[in-house]
All heavy atoms as atom14 arrays in JSON, in Angstrom:
{
  "sequence": "MADMAVALWGRHLRHHPAQPLWADRDRFVLSNGHASMLIY",
  "atom14_mask": [
    [1, 1, 1, 1, 1, 1, 1, 1, 0, 0, 0, 0, 0, 0],
    [1, 1, 1, 1, 1, 0, 0, 0, 0, 0, 0, 0, 0, 0],
    [1, 1, 1, 1, 1, 1, 1, 1, 0, 0, 0, 0, 0, 0],
    [1, 1, 1, 1, 1, 1, 1, 1, 0, 0, 0, 0, 0, 0],
    [1, 1, 1, 1, 1, 0, 0, 0, 0, 0, 0, 0, 0, 0],
    [1, 1, 1, 1, 1, 1, 1, 0, 0, 0, 0, 0, 0, 0],
    [1, 1, 1, 1, 1, 0, 0, 0, 0, 0, 0, 0, 0, 0],
    [1, 1, 1, 1, 1, 1, 1, 1, 0, 0, 0, 0, 0, 0],
    [1, 1, 1, 1, 1, 1, 1, 1, 1, 1, 1, 1, 1, 1],
    [1, 1, 1, 1, 0, 0, 0, 0, 0, 0, 0, 0, 0, 0],
    [1, 1, 1, 1, 1, 1, 1, 1, 1, 1, 1, 0, 0, 0],
    [1, 1, 1, 1, 1, 1, 1, 1, 1, 1, 0, 0, 0, 0],
    [1, 1, 1, 1, 1, 1, 1, 1, 0, 0, 0, 0, 0, 0],
    [1, 1, 1, 1, 1, 1, 1, 1, 1, 1, 1, 0, 0, 0],
    [1, 1, 1, 1, 1, 1, 1, 1, 1, 1, 0, 0, 0, 0],
    [1, 1, 1, 1, 1, 1, 1, 1, 1, 1, 0, 0, 0, 0],
    [1, 1, 1, 1, 1, 1, 1, 0, 0, 0, 0, 0, 0, 0],
    [1, 1, 1, 1, 1, 0, 0, 0, 0, 0, 0, 0, 0, 0],
    [1, 1, 1, 1, 1, 1, 1, 1, 1, 0, 0, 0, 0, 0],
    [1, 1, 1, 1, 1, 1, 1, 0, 0, 0, 0, 0, 0, 0],
    [1, 1, 1, 1, 1, 1, 1, 1, 0, 0, 0, 0, 0, 0],
    [1, 1, 1, 1, 1, 1, 1, 1, 1, 1, 1, 1, 1, 1],
    [1, 1, 1, 1, 1, 0, 0, 0, 0, 0, 0, 0, 0, 0],
    [1, 1, 1, 1, 1, 1, 1, 1, 0, 0, 0, 0, 0, 0],
    [1, 1, 1, 1, 1, 1, 1, 1, 1, 1, 1, 0, 0, 0],
    [1, 1, 1, 1, 1, 1, 1, 1, 0, 0, 0, 0, 0, 0],
    [1, 1, 1, 1, 1, 1, 1, 1, 1, 1, 1, 0, 0, 0],
    [1, 1, 1, 1, 1, 1, 1, 1, 1, 1, 1, 0, 0, 0],
    [1, 1, 1, 1, 1, 1, 1, 0, 0, 0, 0, 0, 0, 0],
    [1, 1, 1, 1, 1, 1, 1, 1, 0, 0, 0, 0, 0, 0],
    [1, 1, 1, 1, 1, 1, 0, 0, 0, 0, 0, 0, 0, 0],
    [1, 1, 1, 1, 1, 1, 1, 1, 0, 0, 0, 0, 0, 0],
    [1, 1, 1, 1, 0, 0, 0, 0, 0, 0, 0, 0, 0, 0],
    [1, 1, 1, 1, 1, 1, 1, 1, 1, 1, 0, 0, 0, 0],
    [1, 1, 1, 1, 1, 0, 0, 0, 0, 0, 0, 0, 0, 0],
    [1, 1, 1, 1, 1, 1, 0, 0, 0, 0, 0, 0, 0, 0],
    [1, 1, 1, 1, 1, 1, 1, 1, 0, 0, 0, 0, 0, 0],
    [1, 1, 1, 1, 1, 1, 1, 1, 0, 0, 0, 0, 0, 0],
    [1, 1, 1, 1, 1, 1, 1, 1, 0, 0, 0, 0, 0, 0],
    [1, 1, 1, 1, 1, 1, 1, 1, 1, 1, 1, 1, 0, 0]
  ],
  "atom14_positions": [
    [[29.24, 3.37, 15.41], [28.48, 4.57, 15.06], [27.92, 5.31, 16.26], [27.2, 6.31, 16.1], [27.32, 4.19, 14.12], [27.75, 3.74, 12.75], [26.36, 3.53, 11.59], [25.59, 2.05, 12.28], [0.0, 0.0, 0.0], [0.0, 0.0, 0.0], [0.0, 0.0, 0.0], [0.0, 0.0, 0.0], [0.0, 0.0, 0.0], [0.0, 0.0, 0.0]],
    [[28.24, 4.87, 17.47], [27.65, 5.46, 18.67], [27.93, 6.95, 18.78], [27.05, 7.74, 19.14], [28.15, 4.71, 19.9], [0.0, 0.0, 0.0], [0.0, 0.0, 0.0], [0.0, 0.0, 0.0], [0.0, 0.0, 0.0], [0.0, 0.0, 0.0], [0.0, 0.0, 0.0], [0.0, 0.0, 0.0], [0.0, 0.0, 0.0], [0.0, 0.0, 0.0]],
    [[29.16, 7.36, 18.49], [29.49, 8.78, 18.61], [28.8, 9.61, 17.52], [28.38, 10.75, 17.78], [31.01, 8.96, 18.53], [31.74, 8.14, 19.58], [31.57, 8.43, 20.77], [32.45, 7.19, 19.2], [0.0, 0.0, 0.0], [0.0, 0.0, 0.0], [0.0, 0.0, 0.0], [0.0, 0.0, 0.0], [0.0, 0.0, 0.0], [0.0, 0.0, 0.0]],
    [[28.7, 9.06, 16.33], [27.94, 9.73, 15.28], [26.5, 9.94, 15.73], [25.9, 10.99, 15.48], [27.97, 8.88, 14.0], [29.34, 8.72, 13.35], [29.38, 7.32, 12.16], [28.04, 7.74, 11.06], [0.0, 0.0, 0.0], [0.0, 0.0, 0.0], [0.0, 0.0, 0.0], [0.0, 0.0, 0.0], [0.0, 0.0, 0.0], [0.0, 0.0, 0.0]],
    [[25.94, 8.92, 16.38], [24.55, 9.01, 16.84], [24.39, 10.07, 17.92], [23.38, 10.78, 17.96], [24.1, 7.64, 17.36], [0.0, 0.0, 0.0], [0.0, 0.0, 0.0], [0.0, 0.0, 0.0], [0.0, 0.0, 0.0], [0.0, 0.0, 0.0], [0.0, 0.0, 0.0], [0.0, 0.0, 0.0], [0.0, 0.0, 0.0], [0.0, 0.0, 0.0]],
    [[25.38, 10.2, 18.82], [25.32, 11.24, 19.83], [25.28, 12.61, 19.17], [24.51, 13.5, 19.56], [26.51, 11.14, 20.81], [26.56, 12.36, 21.73], [26.41, 9.86, 21.64], [0.0, 0.0, 0.0], [0.0, 0.0, 0.0], [0.0, 0.0, 0.0], [0.0, 0.0, 0.0], [0.0, 0.0, 0.0], [0.0, 0.0, 0.0], [0.0, 0.0, 0.0]],
    [[26.12, 12.8, 18.15], [26.16, 14.1, 17.46], [24.82, 14.42, 16.81], [24.32, 15.55, 16.93], [27.28, 14.1, 16.42], [0.0, 0.0, 0.0], [0.0, 0.0, 0.0], [0.0, 0.0, 0.0], [0.0, 0.0, 0.0], [0.0, 0.0, 0.0], [0.0, 0.0, 0.0], [0.0, 0.0, 0.0], [0.0, 0.0, 0.0], [0.0, 0.0, 0.0]],
    [[24.23, 13.44, 16.12], [22.99, 13.71, 15.4], [21.79, 13.75, 16.34], [21.05, 14.73, 16.39], [22.77, 12.65, 14.31], [21.44, 12.76, 13.54], [21.31, 14.11, 12.87], [21.3, 11.64, 12.52], [0.0, 0.0, 0.0], [0.0, 0.0, 0.0], [0.0, 0.0, 0.0], [0.0, 0.0, 0.0], [0.0, 0.0, 0.0], [0.0, 0.0, 0.0]],
    [[21.57, 12.67, 17.08], [20.37, 12.57, 17.92], [20.48, 13.46, 19.16], [19.46, 13.93, 19.67], [20.16, 11.11, 18.35], [19.52, 10.27, 17.3], [20.04, 9.94, 16.08], [18.23, 9.66, 17.36], [19.16, 9.15, 15.39], [18.04, 8.96, 16.15], [17.23, 9.62, 18.33], [16.88, 8.24, 15.88], [16.07, 8.9, 18.06], [15.9, 8.21, 16.85]],
    [[21.67, 13.69, 19.64], [21.82, 14.49, 20.84], [21.86, 15.98, 20.6], [21.63, 16.77, 21.53], [0.0, 0.0, 0.0], [0.0, 0.0, 0.0], [0.0, 0.0, 0.0], [0.0, 0.0, 0.0], [0.0, 0.0, 0.0], [0.0, 0.0, 0.0], [0.0, 0.0, 0.0], [0.0, 0.0, 0.0], [0.0, 0.0, 0.0], [0.0, 0.0, 0.0]],
    [[22.12, 16.4, 19.34], [22.31, 17.82, 19.09], [21.53, 18.38, 17.91], [21.42, 19.6, 17.78], [23.81, 18.1, 18.88], [24.66, 17.78, 20.08], [26.11, 18.1, 19.85], [26.92, 17.84, 21.05], [28.22, 18.0, 21.11], [28.91, 18.43, 20.05], [28.87, 17.75, 22.24], [0.0, 0.0, 0.0], [0.0, 0.0, 0.0], [0.0, 0.0, 0.0]],
    [[21.0, 17.55, 17.05], [20.39, 18.08, 15.83], [18.99, 17.57, 15.53], [18.14, 18.33, 15.06], [21.29, 17.79, 14.62], [22.57, 18.54, 14.62], [22.69, 19.84, 14.15], [23.8, 18.18, 15.07], [23.93, 20.25, 14.29], [24.63, 19.27, 14.85], [0.0, 0.0, 0.0], [0.0, 0.0, 0.0], [0.0, 0.0, 0.0], [0.0, 0.0, 0.0]],
    [[18.73, 16.3, 15.75], [17.49, 15.69, 15.28], [16.28, 16.33, 15.95], [16.19, 16.4, 17.17], [17.5, 14.19, 15.55], [16.45, 13.37, 14.78], [16.84, 13.27, 13.31], [16.31, 11.98, 15.39], [0.0, 0.0, 0.0], [0.0, 0.0, 0.0], [0.0, 0.0, 0.0], [0.0, 0.0, 0.0], [0.0, 0.0, 0.0], [0.0, 0.0, 0.0]],
    [[15.35, 16.82, 15.13], [14.11, 17.43, 15.61], [13.03, 16.35, 15.61], [12.54, 15.95, 14.57], [13.71, 18.61, 14.71], [14.73, 19.73, 14.69], [14.42, 20.75, 13.59], [13.18, 21.47, 13.83], [12.04, 21.27, 13.19], [11.98, 20.32, 12.24], [10.97, 21.96, 13.47], [0.0, 0.0, 0.0], [0.0, 0.0, 0.0], [0.0, 0.0, 0.0]],
    [[12.68, 15.89, 16.8], [11.71, 14.8, 16.91], [11.06, 14.87, 18.28], [11.49, 15.63, 19.15], [12.4, 13.45, 16.71], [13.42, 13.11, 17.77], [13.31, 12.0, 18.58], [14.55, 13.74, 18.16], [14.35, 11.96, 19.4], [15.11, 13.0, 19.18], [0.0, 0.0, 0.0], [0.0, 0.0, 0.0], [0.0, 0.0, 0.0], [0.0, 0.0, 0.0]],
    [[10.02, 14.08, 18.48], [9.33, 14.05, 19.77], [8.97, 12.6, 20.1], [8.11, 12.01, 19.44], [8.07, 14.9, 19.72], [7.45, 15.14, 21.08], [7.99, 14.65, 22.23], [6.33, 15.81, 21.46], [7.25, 15.0, 23.26], [6.22, 15.72, 22.83], [0.0, 0.0, 0.0], [0.0, 0.0, 0.0], [0.0, 0.0, 0.0], [0.0, 0.0, 0.0]],
    [[9.62, 12.02, 21.11], [9.35, 10.61, 21.44], [7.88, 10.33, 21.75], [7.41, 9.21, 21.5], [10.22, 10.37, 22.68], [11.35, 11.36, 22.55], [10.72, 12.57, 21.92], [0.0, 0.0, 0.0], [0.0, 0.0, 0.0], [0.0, 0.0, 0.0], [0.0, 0.0, 0.0], [0.0, 0.0, 0.0], [0.0, 0.0, 0.0], [0.0, 0.0, 0.0]],
    [[7.16, 11.32, 22.27], [5.75, 11.11, 22.61], [4.83, 11.25, 21.4], [3.67, 10.87, 21.47], [5.32, 12.08, 23.71], [0.0, 0.0, 0.0], [0.0, 0.0, 0.0], [0.0, 0.0, 0.0], [0.0, 0.0, 0.0], [0.0, 0.0, 0.0], [0.0, 0.0, 0.0], [0.0, 0.0, 0.0], [0.0, 0.0, 0.0], [0.0, 0.0, 0.0]],
    [[5.35, 11.82, 20.31], [4.57, 11.96, 19.08], [5.43, 11.54, 17.89], [5.9, 12.36, 17.12], [4.09, 13.41, 18.91], [3.12, 13.87, 19.99], [2.5, 15.22, 19.69], [2.19, 15.55, 18.53], [2.31, 16.03, 20.72], [0.0, 0.0, 0.0], [0.0, 0.0, 0.0], [0.0, 0.0, 0.0], [0.0, 0.0, 0.0], [0.0, 0.0, 0.0]],
    [[5.64, 10.23, 17.74], [6.53, 9.74, 16.68], [6.1, 10.12, 15.27], [6.94, 10.11, 14.36], [6.5, 8.22, 16.87], [6.03, 8.0, 18.26], [5.09, 9.13, 18.54], [0.0, 0.0, 0.0], [0.0, 0.0, 0.0], [0.0, 0.0, 0.0], [0.0, 0.0, 0.0], [0.0, 0.0, 0.0], [0.0, 0.0, 0.0], [0.0, 0.0, 0.0]],
    [[4.82, 10.45, 15.07], [4.32, 10.77, 13.73], [4.06, 12.25, 13.56], [3.36, 12.65, 12.62], [3.04, 9.97, 13.45], [3.2, 8.45, 13.48], [1.86, 7.77, 13.2], [4.26, 7.98, 12.49], [0.0, 0.0, 0.0], [0.0, 0.0, 0.0], [0.0, 0.0, 0.0], [0.0, 0.0, 0.0], [0.0, 0.0, 0.0], [0.0, 0.0, 0.0]],
    [[4.61, 13.11, 14.41], [4.49, 14.55, 14.23], [4.93, 14.91, 12.81], [5.99, 14.5, 12.34], [5.36, 15.25, 15.28], [5.58, 16.7, 15.04], [4.65, 17.63, 14.69], [6.83, 17.4, 15.08], [5.24, 18.87, 14.53], [6.57, 18.75, 14.77], [8.13, 17.01, 15.37], [7.58, 19.72, 14.72], [9.14, 17.97, 15.33], [8.85, 19.3, 15.01]],
    [[4.11, 15.7, 12.13], [4.27, 15.9, 10.68], [5.61, 16.49, 10.28], [6.19, 16.08, 9.27], [3.14, 16.79, 10.17], [0.0, 0.0, 0.0], [0.0, 0.0, 0.0], [0.0, 0.0, 0.0], [0.0, 0.0, 0.0], [0.0, 0.0, 0.0], [0.0, 0.0, 0.0], [0.0, 0.0, 0.0], [0.0, 0.0, 0.0], [0.0, 0.0, 0.0]],
    [[6.14, 17.45, 11.05], [7.35, 18.13, 10.59], [8.6, 17.66, 11.33], [9.58, 18.39, 11.43], [7.2, 19.65, 10.75], [8.12, 20.41, 9.8], [8.34, 19.93, 8.66], [8.63, 21.48, 10.18], [0.0, 0.0, 0.0], [0.0, 0.0, 0.0], [0.0, 0.0, 0.0], [0.0, 0.0, 0.0], [0.0, 0.0, 0.0], [0.0, 0.0, 0.0]],
    [[8.56, 16.43, 11.83], [9.76, 15.86, 12.44], [10.84, 15.62, 11.39], [10.54, 15.42, 10.21], [9.43, 14.53, 13.12], [9.09, 13.44, 12.1], [8.46, 12.23, 12.75], [8.15, 11.17, 11.79], [7.07, 11.14, 11.01], [6.19, 12.13, 11.07], [6.87, 10.13, 10.17], [0.0, 0.0, 0.0], [0.0, 0.0, 0.0], [0.0, 0.0, 0.0]],
    [[12.09, 15.65, 11.81], [13.15, 15.16, 10.94], [12.98, 13.66, 10.77], [12.53, 12.96, 11.7], [14.53, 15.44, 11.54], [14.91, 16.91, 11.49], [14.35, 17.65, 10.67], [15.78, 17.32, 12.29], [0.0, 0.0, 0.0], [0.0, 0.0, 0.0], [0.0, 0.0, 0.0], [0.0, 0.0, 0.0], [0.0, 0.0, 0.0], [0.0, 0.0, 0.0]],
    [[13.34, 13.16, 9.6], [13.31, 11.71, 9.37], [14.72, 11.14, 9.54], [15.68, 11.73, 9.08], [12.81, 11.39, 7.96], [11.29, 11.25, 7.83], [10.5, 12.46, 8.26], [9.08, 12.35, 7.9], [8.18, 13.24, 8.2], [8.51, 14.34, 8.86], [6.92, 13.06, 7.85], [0.0, 0.0, 0.0], [0.0, 0.0, 0.0], [0.0, 0.0, 0.0]],
    [[14.79, 9.98, 10.21], [16.06, 9.28, 10.36], [15.92, 7.87, 9.81], [14.99, 7.14, 10.19], [16.5, 9.22, 11.82], [17.73, 8.36, 12.03], [18.98, 8.84, 11.69], [17.63, 7.08, 12.55], [20.11, 8.06, 11.85], [18.75, 6.29, 12.73], [20.01, 6.78, 12.37], [0.0, 0.0, 0.0], [0.0, 0.0, 0.0], [0.0, 0.0, 0.0]],
    [[16.83, 7.49, 8.95], [16.82, 6.16, 8.34], [18.15, 5.48, 8.61], [19.22, 6.02, 8.31], [16.59, 6.25, 6.81], [16.65, 4.87, 6.19], [15.24, 6.91, 6.52], [0.0, 0.0, 0.0], [0.0, 0.0, 0.0], [0.0, 0.0, 0.0], [0.0, 0.0, 0.0], [0.0, 0.0, 0.0], [0.0, 0.0, 0.0], [0.0, 0.0, 0.0]],
    [[18.09, 4.3, 9.21], [19.29, 3.48, 9.4], [19.4, 2.54, 8.21], [18.84, 1.45, 8.21], [19.19, 2.7, 10.72], [20.42, 1.88, 11.09], [21.63, 2.76, 11.39], [20.12, 0.97, 12.28], [0.0, 0.0, 0.0], [0.0, 0.0, 0.0], [0.0, 0.0, 0.0], [0.0, 0.0, 0.0], [0.0, 0.0, 0.0], [0.0, 0.0, 0.0]],
    [[20.12, 3.0, 7.18], [20.18, 2.22, 5.95], [20.91, 0.9, 6.17], [20.51, -0.13, 5.62], [20.86, 3.02, 4.83], [20.74, 2.36, 3.6], [0.0, 0.0, 0.0], [0.0, 0.0, 0.0], [0.0, 0.0, 0.0], [0.0, 0.0, 0.0], [0.0, 0.0, 0.0], [0.0, 0.0, 0.0], [0.0, 0.0, 0.0], [0.0, 0.0, 0.0]],
    [[21.97, 0.92, 6.97], [22.64, -0.34, 7.31], [21.87, -0.99, 8.46], [22.29, -1.01, 9.62], [24.12, -0.13, 7.66], [24.38, 1.14, 8.47], [23.49, 1.94, 8.7], [25.61, 1.31, 8.9], [0.0, 0.0, 0.0], [0.0, 0.0, 0.0], [0.0, 0.0, 0.0], [0.0, 0.0, 0.0], [0.0, 0.0, 0.0], [0.0, 0.0, 0.0]],
    [[20.71, -1.53, 8.1], [19.72, -1.96, 9.08], [20.14, -3.12, 9.95], [19.53, -3.36, 11.0], [0.0, 0.0, 0.0], [0.0, 0.0, 0.0], [0.0, 0.0, 0.0], [0.0, 0.0, 0.0], [0.0, 0.0, 0.0], [0.0, 0.0, 0.0], [0.0, 0.0, 0.0], [0.0, 0.0, 0.0], [0.0, 0.0, 0.0], [0.0, 0.0, 0.0]],
    [[21.19, -3.85, 9.55], [21.68, -4.92, 10.42], [22.18, -4.35, 11.76], [22.24, -5.06, 12.75], [22.81, -5.7, 9.74], [23.97, -4.85, 9.32], [24.01, -4.2, 8.12], [25.12, -4.53, 9.95], [25.14, -3.52, 8.02], [25.83, -3.7, 9.13], [0.0, 0.0, 0.0], [0.0, 0.0, 0.0], [0.0, 0.0, 0.0], [0.0, 0.0, 0.0]],
    [[22.5, -3.06, 11.77], [22.95, -2.39, 13.0], [21.76, -1.92, 13.83], [21.79, -0.88, 14.48], [23.86, -1.21, 12.64], [0.0, 0.0, 0.0], [0.0, 0.0, 0.0], [0.0, 0.0, 0.0], [0.0, 0.0, 0.0], [0.0, 0.0, 0.0], [0.0, 0.0, 0.0], [0.0, 0.0, 0.0], [0.0, 0.0, 0.0], [0.0, 0.0, 0.0]],
    [[20.69, -2.7, 13.84], [19.42, -2.27, 14.41], [19.5, -1.9, 15.88], [18.73, -1.07, 16.36], [18.36, -3.36, 14.22], [18.8, -4.59, 14.78], [0.0, 0.0, 0.0], [0.0, 0.0, 0.0], [0.0, 0.0, 0.0], [0.0, 0.0, 0.0], [0.0, 0.0, 0.0], [0.0, 0.0, 0.0], [0.0, 0.0, 0.0], [0.0, 0.0, 0.0]],
    [[20.44, -2.49, 16.62], [20.53, -2.13, 18.03], [20.94, -0.67, 18.21], [20.73, -0.12, 19.3], [21.48, -3.05, 18.78], [20.8, -4.26, 19.41], [19.33, -3.86, 20.42], [19.99, -2.73, 21.63], [0.0, 0.0, 0.0], [0.0, 0.0, 0.0], [0.0, 0.0, 0.0], [0.0, 0.0, 0.0], [0.0, 0.0, 0.0], [0.0, 0.0, 0.0]],
    [[21.49, -0.04, 17.21], [21.77, 1.38, 17.3], [20.48, 2.17, 17.43], [20.3, 2.97, 18.35], [22.56, 1.87, 16.08], [22.82, 3.38, 16.06], [23.9, 3.76, 17.05], [23.18, 3.87, 14.66], [0.0, 0.0, 0.0], [0.0, 0.0, 0.0], [0.0, 0.0, 0.0], [0.0, 0.0, 0.0], [0.0, 0.0, 0.0], [0.0, 0.0, 0.0]],
    [[19.55, 1.94, 16.52], [18.31, 2.72, 16.56], [17.44, 2.29, 17.73], [16.77, 3.13, 18.35], [17.54, 2.62, 15.21], [16.41, 3.67, 15.19], [17.03, 1.23, 14.93], [15.79, 3.85, 13.82], [0.0, 0.0, 0.0], [0.0, 0.0, 0.0], [0.0, 0.0, 0.0], [0.0, 0.0, 0.0], [0.0, 0.0, 0.0], [0.0, 0.0, 0.0]],
    [[17.45, 1.02, 18.11], [16.66, 0.61, 19.26], [17.19, 1.27, 20.54], [16.42, 1.71, 21.39], [16.67, -0.91, 19.41], [16.02, -1.65, 18.27], [16.43, -2.94, 17.92], [14.99, -1.07, 17.53], [15.84, -3.63, 16.88], [14.4, -1.76, 16.47], [14.83, -3.04, 16.15], [14.25, -3.72, 15.11], [0.0, 0.0, 0.0], [0.0, 0.0, 0.0]]
  ]
}
């Protein structure tokens, strides 16, 4: 899923690493959570 992640997180996801709880951030859910090293 690495290339999928580049497309989403590198070009579309509206978020702020310094403010993880910013109210109007996009939400991202890794439903196949066993792949946790992707989100980490």
